[in-house]
Amino acid sequence: MYKTFVHPAYRGLGIAGLLNATGNEIAVRYQRSRVIAKRSGSFTAGYVGYIAWFGRAIAFRTAGANRQGFRFSALS
């Protein structure tokens, strides 16, 4: 989860916290232990991404993300 948006009229009601909690529940269902959330006390550990090229996906991650154990895996 990254940069949770809550409409200005509904800010201050704890909606972003509920969205983060729901994201954590979803992460557990997919056997993940981390959810990235900005403004919830988290920090930028590094970056991960992939490049799709000729039908193949080439994944990459920075050293900081590697130290934290972030990796791509196929969801079933």
Protein backbone atom coordinates (compact mmCIF):
# COMPACT_ATOMS: atom_id res chain seq x y z
CA MET A 1 0.00 0.00 0.00
CA TYR A 2 1.45 3.34 -0.92
CA LYS A 3 0.18 6.91 -0.61
CA THR A 4 -3.30 6.21 0.72
CA PHE A 5 -5.77 8.79 -0.61
CA VAL A 6 -8.72 9.89 1.49
CA HIS A 7 -11.04 12.58 0.14
CA PRO A 8 -10.52 15.84 2.07
CA ALA A 9 -14.10 15.78 3.37
CA TYR A 10 -13.42 12.48 5.17
CA ARG A 11 -9.90 13.06 6.50
CA GLY A 12 -9.34 12.76 10.24
CA LEU A 13 -11.76 9.85 10.62
CA GLY A 14 -9.08 7.14 10.69
CA ILE A 15 -9.95 5.82 7.25
CA ALA A 16 -6.30 5.56 6.14
CA GLY A 17 -5.50 3.45 9.21
CA LEU A 18 -8.39 1.11 8.38
CA LEU A 19 -7.16 0.82 4.79
CA ASN A 20 -3.68 -0.04 6.06
CA ALA A 21 -5.11 -2.67 8.43
CA THR A 22 -7.11 -4.20 5.57
CA GLY A 23 -3.96 -4.23 3.44
CA ASN A 24 -2.17 -6.12 6.20
CA GLU A 25 -4.99 -8.70 6.33
CA ILE A 26 -4.70 -9.20 2.57
CA ALA A 27 -0.91 -9.53 2.85
CA VAL A 28 -1.30 -12.29 5.44
CA ARG A 29 -3.70 -14.17 3.14
CA TYR A 30 -0.99 -14.19 0.48
CA GLN A 31 1.66 -15.22 3.03
CA ARG A 32 3.39 -11.83 3.00
CA SER A 33 4.85 -10.29 6.13
CA ARG A 34 5.23 -6.66 5.00
CA VAL A 35 3.01 -3.97 3.56
CA ILE A 36 4.62 -0.73 2.47
CA ALA A 37 2.68 2.28 3.76
CA LYS A 38 3.77 5.89 3.60
CA ARG A 39 2.89 8.17 6.57
CA SER A 40 2.30 5.27 8.98
CA GLY A 41 5.71 5.35 10.61
CA SER A 42 7.35 3.42 7.79
CA PHE A 43 10.53 4.36 6.00
CA THR A 44 11.85 3.82 2.51
CA ALA A 45 13.96 0.67 2.69
CA GLY A 46 14.65 0.55 -1.03
CA TYR A 47 12.95 0.07 -4.33
CA VAL A 48 11.78 -2.93 -6.33
CA GLY A 49 10.37 -3.17 -9.80
CA TYR A 50 10.42 -5.04 -13.05
CA ILE A 51 10.83 -4.40 -16.73
CA ALA A 52 8.61 -6.25 -19.20
CA TRP A 53 10.61 -6.90 -22.34
CA PHE A 54 9.68 -9.19 -25.24
CA GLY A 55 7.21 -11.15 -23.14
CA ARG A 56 9.61 -11.61 -20.22
CA ALA A 57 9.72 -9.87 -16.86
CA ILE A 58 13.12 -8.84 -15.56
CA ALA A 59 12.89 -8.05 -11.83
CA PHE A 60 15.24 -5.73 -9.96
CA ARG A 61 15.66 -4.43 -6.44
CA THR A 62 18.00 -2.03 -4.69
CA ALA A 63 20.41 -3.17 -1.99
CA GLY A 64 18.16 -1.73 0.74
CA ALA A 65 15.16 -3.73 -0.45
CA ASN A 66 17.36 -6.81 -0.76
CA ARG A 67 18.50 -6.46 2.88
CA GLN A 68 14.84 -6.27 3.96
CA GLY A 69 14.07 -9.51 2.09
CA PHE A 70 11.74 -8.07 -0.54
CA ARG A 71 11.29 -10.27 -3.59
CA PHE A 72 8.76 -10.97 -6.31
CA SER A 73 6.76 -14.17 -6.34
CA ALA A 74 3.92 -15.48 -8.46
CA LEU A 75 0.43 -15.27 -6.94
CA SER A 76 -1.85 -18.18 -7.59
